[in-house]
């Protein structure tokens, strides 16, 4: 219900159109049909990367041994939203024991992950980036860089594309469409 309420906000609908145009521009560049995964996918994918980074610090797994799977409804599909974070490494780091023990700490990990996204060490440059900026050929990136949201390629189901931390939190430039207000009490 929280996600559906966020998706219904007018400013989120406007941002979804910007993301859709970025996906279309990327498709034209590679001469293929556009594939719009929806703003919910972008937001959940960004959240997944933030959680992956925090989980790696908390449970001791190398970030490259954690993987993600995003479940997000597309246009015209029934509602489904979810994240699966798992490990696929064999041996001592792949036993899942350390990762599964994090379940009860998810609220704390989520809070810390969101607060860490507010300010990136590459701001304001990172925060100013978006699919609407045609100058750098990254139409599948919003406010995302190696300092805040990008993870090892082996961890990401989408090759580190369709990421935008401004969908989750207000950045230094402000957006008005972020999902969370990390400074509410």
N, C-alpha and C. Protein backbone atom coordinates (compact mmCIF):
# COMPACT_ATOMS: atom_id res chain seq x y z
N UNK A 1 0.83 -1.20 0.00
CA UNK A 1 0.00 0.00 0.00
C UNK A 1 0.87 1.26 0.00
N UNK A 2 1.97 1.22 0.75
CA UNK A 2 2.90 2.35 0.79
C UNK A 2 3.43 2.66 -0.60
N UNK A 3 3.85 1.64 -1.31
CA UNK A 3 4.41 1.83 -2.65
C UNK A 3 3.34 2.30 -3.63
N UNK A 4 2.14 1.77 -3.54
CA UNK A 4 1.06 2.19 -4.44
C UNK A 4 0.70 3.65 -4.19
N UNK A 5 0.70 4.11 -2.93
CA UNK A 5 0.42 5.51 -2.62
C UNK A 5 1.52 6.41 -3.20
N UNK A 6 2.76 5.99 -3.10
CA UNK A 6 3.87 6.77 -3.66
C UNK A 6 3.75 6.85 -5.18
N UNK A 7 3.42 5.74 -5.82
CA UNK A 7 3.28 5.72 -7.28
C UNK A 7 2.17 6.63 -7.78
N UNK A 8 1.16 6.89 -6.96
CA UNK A 8 0.02 7.71 -7.36
C UNK A 8 0.29 9.21 -7.25
N UNK A 9 1.39 9.60 -6.62
CA UNK A 9 1.68 11.03 -6.48
C UNK A 9 2.00 11.65 -7.85
N UNK A 10 1.48 12.86 -8.14
CA UNK A 10 1.70 13.49 -9.46
C UNK A 10 3.18 13.69 -9.81
N UNK A 11 3.99 14.08 -8.84
CA UNK A 11 5.41 14.32 -9.13
C UNK A 11 6.13 13.00 -9.46
N UNK A 12 5.67 11.89 -8.91
CA UNK A 12 6.24 10.58 -9.23
C UNK A 12 5.84 10.19 -10.65
N UNK A 13 4.61 10.47 -11.02
CA UNK A 13 4.15 10.20 -12.38
C UNK A 13 4.97 10.99 -13.39
N UNK A 14 5.28 12.25 -13.08
CA UNK A 14 6.11 13.06 -13.97
C UNK A 14 7.52 12.49 -14.09
N UNK A 15 8.08 12.06 -12.96
CA UNK A 15 9.43 11.47 -12.99
C UNK A 15 9.43 10.17 -13.78
N UNK A 16 8.35 9.40 -13.67
CA UNK A 16 8.25 8.14 -14.43
C UNK A 16 8.34 8.41 -15.92
N UNK A 17 7.75 9.51 -16.37
CA UNK A 17 7.82 9.86 -17.79
C UNK A 17 9.25 10.19 -18.21
N UNK A 18 10.00 10.86 -17.35
CA UNK A 18 11.40 11.17 -17.63
C UNK A 18 12.20 9.87 -17.75
N UNK A 19 11.94 8.92 -16.84
CA UNK A 19 12.66 7.64 -16.88
C UNK A 19 12.29 6.86 -18.14
N UNK A 20 11.02 6.91 -18.51
CA UNK A 20 10.56 6.22 -19.72
C UNK A 20 11.27 6.80 -20.95
N UNK A 21 11.41 8.12 -21.01
CA UNK A 21 12.10 8.75 -22.13
C UNK A 21 13.57 8.36 -22.17
N UNK A 22 14.20 8.23 -21.01
CA UNK A 22 15.59 7.77 -20.95
C UNK A 22 15.73 6.34 -21.46
N UNK A 23 14.77 5.48 -21.09
CA UNK A 23 14.79 4.11 -21.58
C UNK A 23 14.59 4.06 -23.09
N UNK A 24 13.72 4.93 -23.62
CA UNK A 24 13.49 4.99 -25.07
C UNK A 24 14.74 5.49 -25.79
N UNK A 25 15.42 6.49 -25.21
CA UNK A 25 16.65 7.02 -25.82
C UNK A 25 17.73 5.95 -25.85
N UNK A 26 17.83 5.17 -24.77
CA UNK A 26 18.81 4.09 -24.73
C UNK A 26 18.49 3.03 -25.78
N UNK A 27 17.21 2.70 -25.94
CA UNK A 27 16.79 1.70 -26.94
C UNK A 27 17.13 2.18 -28.35
N UNK A 28 16.88 3.45 -28.63
CA UNK A 28 17.22 4.00 -29.96
C UNK A 28 18.72 3.92 -30.23
N UNK A 29 19.49 4.18 -29.22
CA UNK A 29 20.95 4.16 -29.36
C UNK A 29 21.43 2.77 -29.78
N UNK A 30 20.77 1.72 -29.30
CA UNK A 30 21.16 0.35 -29.63
C UNK A 30 20.23 -0.31 -30.65
N UNK A 31 19.36 0.51 -31.26
CA UNK A 31 18.46 0.05 -32.32
C UNK A 31 17.64 -1.17 -31.90
N UNK A 32 16.97 -1.04 -30.75
CA UNK A 32 16.10 -2.10 -30.25
C UNK A 32 14.82 -1.48 -29.71
N UNK A 33 13.77 -2.25 -29.55
CA UNK A 33 12.53 -1.67 -29.01
C UNK A 33 12.71 -1.26 -27.54
N UNK A 34 12.07 -0.18 -27.12
CA UNK A 34 12.21 0.24 -25.73
C UNK A 34 11.55 -0.75 -24.77
N UNK A 35 12.14 -0.89 -23.62
CA UNK A 35 11.61 -1.77 -22.58
C UNK A 35 11.48 -0.95 -21.30
N UNK A 36 10.25 -0.53 -21.02
CA UNK A 36 10.02 0.28 -19.84
C UNK A 36 9.68 -0.62 -18.66
N UNK A 37 10.54 -0.65 -17.67
CA UNK A 37 10.32 -1.50 -16.51
C UNK A 37 9.51 -0.81 -15.42
N UNK A 38 9.31 0.48 -15.54
CA UNK A 38 8.50 1.21 -14.58
C UNK A 38 9.31 1.85 -13.47
N UNK A 39 8.75 2.90 -12.91
CA UNK A 39 9.44 3.63 -11.85
C UNK A 39 9.55 2.80 -10.57
N UNK A 40 8.60 1.90 -10.34
CA UNK A 40 8.69 1.03 -9.16
C UNK A 40 9.94 0.16 -9.26
N UNK A 41 10.23 -0.34 -10.46
CA UNK A 41 11.45 -1.13 -10.64
C UNK A 41 12.68 -0.29 -10.32
N UNK A 42 12.74 0.92 -10.89
CA UNK A 42 13.88 1.80 -10.64
C UNK A 42 14.06 2.02 -9.13
N UNK A 43 12.97 2.31 -8.42
CA UNK A 43 13.06 2.60 -6.99
C UNK A 43 13.49 1.36 -6.20
N UNK A 44 12.88 0.22 -6.49
CA UNK A 44 13.23 -1.01 -5.77
C UNK A 44 14.65 -1.46 -6.10
N UNK A 45 15.06 -1.26 -7.34
CA UNK A 45 16.42 -1.61 -7.72
C UNK A 45 17.43 -0.73 -6.98
N UNK A 46 17.13 0.55 -6.87
CA UNK A 46 18.00 1.47 -6.12
C UNK A 46 18.04 1.08 -4.65
N UNK A 47 16.88 0.75 -4.09
CA UNK A 47 16.81 0.32 -2.69
C UNK A 47 17.60 -0.98 -2.49
N UNK A 48 17.51 -1.89 -3.42
CA UNK A 48 18.24 -3.14 -3.33
C UNK A 48 19.74 -2.89 -3.25
N UNK A 49 20.24 -2.00 -4.09
CA UNK A 49 21.68 -1.71 -4.08
C UNK A 49 22.11 -1.07 -2.76
N UNK A 50 21.28 -0.19 -2.23
CA UNK A 50 21.60 0.42 -0.94
C UNK A 50 21.63 -0.64 0.16
N UNK A 51 20.67 -1.55 0.14
CA UNK A 51 20.63 -2.63 1.13
C UNK A 51 21.79 -3.61 0.94
N UNK A 52 22.13 -3.93 -0.29
CA UNK A 52 23.27 -4.82 -0.54
C UNK A 52 24.54 -4.27 0.10
N UNK A 53 24.78 -2.97 -0.09
CA UNK A 53 25.99 -2.35 0.47
C UNK A 53 26.00 -2.41 1.99
N UNK A 54 24.86 -2.12 2.61
CA UNK A 54 24.79 -2.16 4.07
C UNK A 54 24.89 -3.59 4.59
N UNK A 55 24.24 -4.52 3.93
CA UNK A 55 24.31 -5.91 4.36
C UNK A 55 25.73 -6.45 4.29
N UNK A 56 26.46 -6.08 3.25
CA UNK A 56 27.85 -6.53 3.12
C UNK A 56 28.68 -6.05 4.31
N UNK A 57 28.44 -4.84 4.75
CA UNK A 57 29.17 -4.31 5.90
C UNK A 57 28.74 -5.00 7.19
N UNK A 58 27.48 -5.29 7.31
CA UNK A 58 26.92 -5.83 8.55
C UNK A 58 27.18 -7.33 8.73
N UNK A 59 27.03 -8.11 7.66
CA UNK A 59 27.11 -9.57 7.84
C UNK A 59 28.47 -10.14 7.43
N UNK A 60 29.34 -9.34 6.87
CA UNK A 60 30.68 -9.81 6.58
C UNK A 60 30.88 -10.47 5.23
N UNK A 61 29.84 -10.58 4.43
CA UNK A 61 30.01 -11.12 3.08
C UNK A 61 30.64 -10.06 2.19
N UNK A 62 31.51 -10.47 1.28
CA UNK A 62 31.96 -9.50 0.28
C UNK A 62 30.76 -9.09 -0.58
N UNK A 63 30.67 -7.84 -0.94
CA UNK A 63 29.55 -7.35 -1.74
C UNK A 63 29.41 -8.15 -3.03
N UNK A 64 30.51 -8.57 -3.60
CA UNK A 64 30.46 -9.31 -4.87
C UNK A 64 29.84 -10.70 -4.71
N UNK A 65 29.69 -11.20 -3.49
CA UNK A 65 29.08 -12.52 -3.31
C UNK A 65 27.57 -12.43 -3.06
N UNK A 66 27.05 -11.22 -2.89
CA UNK A 66 25.61 -11.03 -2.73
C UNK A 66 24.97 -10.75 -4.08
N UNK A 67 23.74 -11.20 -4.25
CA UNK A 67 23.02 -11.00 -5.51
C UNK A 67 21.61 -10.51 -5.20
N UNK A 68 20.95 -9.99 -6.23
CA UNK A 68 19.61 -9.43 -6.04
C UNK A 68 18.64 -9.98 -7.08
N UNK A 69 17.38 -9.90 -6.74
CA UNK A 69 16.29 -10.15 -7.69
C UNK A 69 15.19 -9.17 -7.33
N UNK A 70 14.75 -8.38 -8.32
CA UNK A 70 13.74 -7.36 -8.11
C UNK A 70 12.42 -7.84 -8.68
N UNK A 71 11.35 -7.67 -7.91
CA UNK A 71 10.00 -7.99 -8.37
C UNK A 71 9.20 -6.70 -8.35
N UNK A 72 8.85 -6.21 -9.52
CA UNK A 72 8.10 -4.95 -9.61
C UNK A 72 7.12 -5.02 -10.76
N UNK A 73 5.89 -4.66 -10.48
CA UNK A 73 4.85 -4.67 -11.50
C UNK A 73 5.18 -3.67 -12.59
N UNK A 74 4.91 -4.07 -13.80
CA UNK A 74 5.03 -3.16 -14.93
C UNK A 74 3.65 -2.60 -15.25
N UNK A 75 3.60 -1.74 -16.24
CA UNK A 75 2.33 -1.15 -16.66
C UNK A 75 1.35 -2.24 -17.08
N UNK A 76 0.16 -2.19 -16.53
CA UNK A 76 -0.89 -3.14 -16.90
C UNK A 76 -0.79 -4.49 -16.22
N UNK A 77 0.15 -4.67 -15.30
CA UNK A 77 0.29 -5.93 -14.58
C UNK A 77 -0.31 -5.81 -13.19
N UNK A 78 -0.66 -6.94 -12.60
CA UNK A 78 -1.15 -6.90 -11.22
C UNK A 78 0.00 -6.50 -10.29
N UNK A 79 -0.36 -5.88 -9.18
CA UNK A 79 0.65 -5.36 -8.26
C UNK A 79 1.49 -6.47 -7.64
N UNK A 80 2.78 -6.31 -7.74
CA UNK A 80 3.73 -7.18 -7.05
C UNK A 80 5.02 -6.39 -6.87
N UNK A 81 5.47 -6.36 -5.67
CA UNK A 81 6.68 -5.62 -5.35
C UNK A 81 7.48 -6.42 -4.34
N UNK A 82 8.75 -6.59 -4.59
CA UNK A 82 9.58 -7.30 -3.64
C UNK A 82 11.04 -7.29 -4.02
N UNK A 83 11.87 -7.64 -3.05
CA UNK A 83 13.31 -7.76 -3.24
C UNK A 83 13.76 -9.10 -2.69
N UNK A 84 14.66 -9.73 -3.37
CA UNK A 84 15.31 -10.92 -2.86
C UNK A 84 16.80 -10.65 -2.90
N UNK A 85 17.42 -10.74 -1.76
CA UNK A 85 18.88 -10.61 -1.68
C UNK A 85 19.40 -11.94 -1.16
N UNK A 86 20.34 -12.49 -1.89
CA UNK A 86 20.83 -13.82 -1.55
C UNK A 86 22.31 -13.92 -1.85
N UNK A 87 22.92 -14.99 -1.39
CA UNK A 87 24.32 -15.23 -1.70
C UNK A 87 24.41 -16.44 -2.61
N UNK A 88 25.36 -16.42 -3.49
CA UNK A 88 25.52 -17.53 -4.43
C UNK A 88 26.94 -18.08 -4.42
N UNK A 89 27.69 -17.71 -3.41
CA UNK A 89 29.07 -18.15 -3.32
C UNK A 89 29.15 -19.46 -2.54
N UNK A 90 29.87 -20.41 -3.06
CA UNK A 90 30.07 -21.67 -2.34
C UNK A 90 31.13 -21.49 -1.26
N UNK A 91 31.12 -22.39 -0.32
CA UNK A 91 32.14 -22.36 0.73
C UNK A 91 31.69 -21.58 1.94
N UNK A 92 32.63 -21.15 2.74
CA UNK A 92 32.36 -20.48 4.01
C UNK A 92 31.56 -19.21 3.86
N UNK A 93 31.75 -18.48 2.75
CA UNK A 93 31.01 -17.25 2.57
C UNK A 93 29.65 -17.49 1.95
N UNK A 94 29.37 -18.70 1.54
CA UNK A 94 28.12 -18.98 0.87
C UNK A 94 27.15 -19.83 1.67
N UNK A 95 27.30 -19.87 2.97
CA UNK A 95 26.46 -20.73 3.79
C UNK A 95 25.10 -20.12 4.09
N UNK A 96 24.90 -18.86 3.84
CA UNK A 96 23.67 -18.12 4.07
C UNK A 96 23.42 -17.83 5.54
N UNK A 97 24.13 -18.46 6.45
CA UNK A 97 23.90 -18.25 7.87
C UNK A 97 24.03 -16.80 8.29
N UNK A 98 25.11 -16.14 7.84
CA UNK A 98 25.30 -14.74 8.21
C UNK A 98 24.27 -13.82 7.60
N UNK A 99 23.84 -14.13 6.39
CA UNK A 99 22.86 -13.30 5.71
C UNK A 99 21.47 -13.49 6.29
N UNK A 100 21.07 -14.72 6.53
CA UNK A 100 19.72 -14.96 7.06
C UNK A 100 19.57 -14.44 8.48
N UNK A 101 20.66 -14.35 9.22
CA UNK A 101 20.58 -13.82 10.58
C UNK A 101 20.34 -12.30 10.59
N UNK A 102 20.44 -11.65 9.44
CA UNK A 102 20.21 -10.22 9.34
C UNK A 102 18.73 -9.87 9.28
N UNK A 103 17.85 -10.84 9.09
CA UNK A 103 16.42 -10.57 8.90
C UNK A 103 15.83 -9.72 10.02
N UNK A 104 16.17 -10.01 11.25
CA UNK A 104 15.60 -9.23 12.35
C UNK A 104 16.18 -7.82 12.46
N UNK A 105 17.27 -7.56 11.74
CA UNK A 105 17.89 -6.24 11.77
C UNK A 105 17.52 -5.38 10.56
N UNK A 106 16.62 -5.85 9.72
CA UNK A 106 16.27 -5.13 8.49
C UNK A 106 15.83 -3.69 8.75
N UNK A 107 14.98 -3.40 9.75
CA UNK A 107 14.61 -1.98 9.96
C UNK A 107 15.81 -1.08 10.22
N UNK A 108 16.74 -1.55 11.02
CA UNK A 108 17.96 -0.77 11.33
C UNK A 108 18.82 -0.62 10.07
N UNK A 109 18.98 -1.69 9.33
CA UNK A 109 19.80 -1.66 8.11
C UNK A 109 19.16 -0.75 7.06
N UNK A 110 17.85 -0.83 6.91
CA UNK A 110 17.13 0.04 5.97
C UNK A 110 17.30 1.50 6.34
N UNK A 111 17.14 1.82 7.61
CA UNK A 111 17.29 3.21 8.07
C UNK A 111 18.69 3.72 7.76
N UNK A 112 19.70 2.94 8.07
CA UNK A 112 21.08 3.36 7.82
C UNK A 112 21.36 3.49 6.32
N UNK A 113 20.84 2.56 5.51
CA UNK A 113 21.04 2.61 4.06
C UNK A 113 20.45 3.88 3.48
N UNK A 114 19.24 4.23 3.90
CA UNK A 114 18.59 5.44 3.37
C UNK A 114 19.33 6.70 3.80
N UNK A 115 19.73 6.77 5.05
CA UNK A 115 20.47 7.96 5.52
C UNK A 115 21.79 8.11 4.78
N UNK A 116 22.43 7.01 4.41
CA UNK A 116 23.69 7.08 3.68
C UNK A 116 23.51 7.53 2.23
N UNK A 117 22.29 7.45 1.72
CA UNK A 117 22.03 7.88 0.34
C UNK A 117 21.80 9.38 0.20
N UNK A 118 21.49 10.05 1.28
CA UNK A 118 21.15 11.48 1.22
C UNK A 118 22.30 12.29 0.63
N UNK A 119 23.50 11.99 1.05
CA UNK A 119 24.66 12.74 0.58
C UNK A 119 25.68 11.77 0.01
N UNK A 120 26.04 11.97 -1.23
CA UNK A 120 27.06 11.17 -1.91
C UNK A 120 28.35 11.98 -1.93
N UNK A 121 29.48 11.31 -1.85
CA UNK A 121 30.75 12.04 -1.89
C UNK A 121 31.00 12.71 -3.24
N UNK A 122 30.22 12.35 -4.26
CA UNK A 122 30.33 12.98 -5.57
C UNK A 122 29.26 14.04 -5.81
N UNK A 123 28.53 14.42 -4.76
CA UNK A 123 27.54 15.48 -4.91
C UNK A 123 28.25 16.82 -5.03
N UNK A 124 27.70 17.75 -5.76
CA UNK A 124 26.39 17.78 -6.38
C UNK A 124 26.34 17.12 -7.77
N UNK A 125 27.49 16.70 -8.29
CA UNK A 125 27.51 16.14 -9.64
C UNK A 125 26.63 14.89 -9.73
N UNK A 126 26.74 14.00 -8.77
CA UNK A 126 25.94 12.78 -8.78
C UNK A 126 24.45 13.12 -8.69
N UNK A 127 24.08 14.00 -7.77
CA UNK A 127 22.67 14.35 -7.57
C UNK A 127 22.07 15.04 -8.78
N UNK A 128 22.86 15.77 -9.53
CA UNK A 128 22.35 16.49 -10.70
C UNK A 128 22.16 15.58 -11.92
N UNK A 129 22.72 14.41 -11.89
CA UNK A 129 22.61 13.54 -13.05
C UNK A 129 21.22 12.93 -13.14
N UNK A 130 20.76 12.75 -14.36
CA UNK A 130 19.46 12.12 -14.59
C UNK A 130 19.30 11.75 -16.04
N UNK A 131 18.31 10.91 -16.34
CA UNK A 131 18.08 10.48 -17.72
C UNK A 131 17.75 11.64 -18.66
N UNK A 132 17.27 12.74 -18.10
CA UNK A 132 16.93 13.89 -18.94
C UNK A 132 18.17 14.65 -19.41
N UNK A 133 19.32 14.38 -18.82
CA UNK A 133 20.57 15.03 -19.23
C UNK A 133 21.20 14.23 -20.36
N UNK A 134 21.16 14.77 -21.53
CA UNK A 134 21.58 14.05 -22.73
C UNK A 134 23.08 14.14 -22.98
N UNK A 135 23.81 14.85 -22.14
CA UNK A 135 25.21 15.14 -22.45
C UNK A 135 26.18 14.01 -22.16
N UNK A 136 25.80 12.98 -21.39
CA UNK A 136 26.81 11.99 -21.04
C UNK A 136 26.45 10.55 -21.38
N UNK A 137 25.45 10.35 -22.20
CA UNK A 137 25.10 9.01 -22.69
C UNK A 137 24.86 7.99 -21.58
N UNK A 138 24.22 8.39 -20.51
CA UNK A 138 23.81 7.45 -19.47
C UNK A 138 22.32 7.61 -19.20
N UNK A 139 21.48 7.33 -20.18
CA UNK A 139 20.04 7.57 -19.99
C UNK A 139 19.37 6.58 -19.04
N UNK A 140 20.09 5.54 -18.62
CA UNK A 140 19.51 4.58 -17.68
C UNK A 140 20.05 4.78 -16.26
N UNK A 141 20.52 6.00 -15.98
CA UNK A 141 21.00 6.34 -14.65
C UNK A 141 20.39 7.66 -14.20
N UNK A 142 19.97 7.69 -12.97
CA UNK A 142 19.63 8.94 -12.33
C UNK A 142 20.79 9.30 -11.42
N UNK A 143 20.48 9.76 -10.23
CA UNK A 143 21.52 10.09 -9.26
C UNK A 143 22.11 8.79 -8.74
N UNK A 144 23.15 8.32 -9.40
CA UNK A 144 23.80 7.06 -9.02
C UNK A 144 25.22 7.06 -9.55
N UNK A 145 26.15 6.65 -8.70
CA UNK A 145 27.55 6.55 -9.12
C UNK A 145 28.23 5.47 -8.28
N UNK A 146 29.52 5.29 -8.50
CA UNK A 146 30.26 4.26 -7.76
C UNK A 146 30.38 4.57 -6.27
N UNK A 147 30.22 5.80 -5.89
CA UNK A 147 30.32 6.15 -4.48
C UNK A 147 29.04 5.89 -3.70
N UNK A 148 27.89 5.78 -4.41
CA UNK A 148 26.64 5.64 -3.66
C UNK A 148 25.82 4.40 -4.01
N UNK A 149 25.60 4.08 -5.26
CA UNK A 149 24.68 3.00 -5.60
C UNK A 149 25.23 1.88 -6.47
N UNK A 150 26.26 2.11 -7.24
CA UNK A 150 26.74 1.06 -8.11
C UNK A 150 27.44 -0.03 -7.30
N UNK A 151 27.17 -1.27 -7.65
CA UNK A 151 27.74 -2.43 -6.96
C UNK A 151 28.50 -3.27 -7.99
N UNK A 152 29.23 -4.29 -7.55
CA UNK A 152 29.92 -5.15 -8.53
C UNK A 152 28.92 -5.74 -9.53
N UNK A 153 29.33 -5.82 -10.77
CA UNK A 153 28.45 -6.33 -11.83
C UNK A 153 27.89 -7.71 -11.52
N UNK A 154 28.64 -8.53 -10.81
CA UNK A 154 28.17 -9.88 -10.48
C UNK A 154 27.00 -9.86 -9.51
N UNK A 155 26.80 -8.76 -8.82
CA UNK A 155 25.71 -8.66 -7.84
C UNK A 155 24.42 -8.13 -8.44
N UNK A 156 24.51 -7.45 -9.56
CA UNK A 156 23.37 -6.71 -10.11
C UNK A 156 22.70 -7.45 -11.25
N UNK A 157 21.37 -7.56 -11.19
CA UNK A 157 20.63 -8.24 -12.25
C UNK A 157 20.48 -7.37 -13.50
N UNK A 158 20.78 -6.09 -13.42
CA UNK A 158 20.56 -5.18 -14.55
C UNK A 158 21.81 -4.40 -14.94
N UNK A 159 22.98 -4.96 -14.70
CA UNK A 159 24.24 -4.33 -15.11
C UNK A 159 24.39 -2.90 -14.60
N UNK A 160 23.95 -2.64 -13.38
CA UNK A 160 24.06 -1.31 -12.77
C UNK A 160 23.35 -0.23 -13.55
N UNK A 161 22.22 -0.57 -14.16
CA UNK A 161 21.39 0.44 -14.83
C UNK A 161 20.08 0.57 -14.07
N UNK A 162 19.30 1.59 -14.44
CA UNK A 162 18.00 1.87 -13.83
C UNK A 162 18.15 2.06 -12.31
N UNK A 163 19.03 2.98 -11.96
CA UNK A 163 19.29 3.33 -10.57
C UNK A 163 19.15 4.84 -10.40
N UNK A 164 18.53 5.24 -9.29
CA UNK A 164 18.35 6.67 -9.01
C UNK A 164 18.04 6.83 -7.53
N UNK A 165 19.02 7.31 -6.75
CA UNK A 165 18.79 7.45 -5.31
C UNK A 165 17.80 8.56 -5.00
N UNK A 166 17.58 9.49 -5.93
CA UNK A 166 16.61 10.56 -5.67
C UNK A 166 15.18 10.03 -5.65
N UNK A 167 14.94 8.82 -6.13
CA UNK A 167 13.62 8.21 -6.00
C UNK A 167 13.37 7.77 -4.56
N UNK A 168 14.44 7.55 -3.82
CA UNK A 168 14.32 7.07 -2.45
C UNK A 168 14.39 8.19 -1.42
N UNK A 169 15.34 9.10 -1.59
CA UNK A 169 15.58 10.17 -0.61
C UNK A 169 15.80 11.50 -1.33
N UNK A 170 15.57 12.57 -0.62
CA UNK A 170 15.88 13.90 -1.16
C UNK A 170 17.39 14.06 -1.20
N UNK A 171 17.90 14.49 -2.33
CA UNK A 171 19.34 14.73 -2.46
C UNK A 171 19.61 16.22 -2.24
N UNK A 172 20.85 16.63 -2.42
CA UNK A 172 21.22 18.03 -2.20
C UNK A 172 20.51 18.99 -3.14
N UNK A 173 20.04 18.49 -4.28
CA UNK A 173 19.33 19.38 -5.20
C UNK A 173 17.82 19.36 -4.96
N UNK A 174 17.34 18.43 -4.14
CA UNK A 174 15.90 18.32 -3.88
C UNK A 174 15.17 17.82 -5.11
N UNK A 175 14.10 17.06 -4.90
CA UNK A 175 13.38 16.52 -6.05
C UNK A 175 11.87 16.62 -5.88
N UNK A 176 11.36 16.33 -4.70
CA UNK A 176 9.93 16.34 -4.47
C UNK A 176 9.24 15.02 -4.77
N UNK A 177 9.97 14.04 -5.30
CA UNK A 177 9.35 12.76 -5.61
C UNK A 177 9.97 11.60 -4.86
N UNK A 178 10.75 11.87 -3.83
CA UNK A 178 11.40 10.77 -3.11
C UNK A 178 10.38 9.98 -2.28
N UNK A 179 10.65 8.72 -2.13
CA UNK A 179 9.77 7.79 -1.45
C UNK A 179 9.83 7.95 0.07
N UNK A 180 11.00 8.21 0.60
CA UNK A 180 11.20 8.26 2.05
C UNK A 180 11.67 9.63 2.50
N UNK A 181 11.22 10.04 3.67
CA UNK A 181 11.75 11.22 4.34
C UNK A 181 12.56 10.69 5.52
N UNK A 182 13.86 10.60 5.34
CA UNK A 182 14.72 9.95 6.35
C UNK A 182 14.86 10.79 7.61
N UNK A 183 14.42 12.02 7.58
CA UNK A 183 14.58 12.86 8.75
C UNK A 183 13.30 13.03 9.55
N UNK A 184 12.23 12.26 9.19
CA UNK A 184 11.01 12.27 10.01
C UNK A 184 11.30 11.56 11.32
N UNK A 185 10.63 11.97 12.36
CA UNK A 185 10.82 11.30 13.64
C UNK A 185 9.59 10.51 13.99
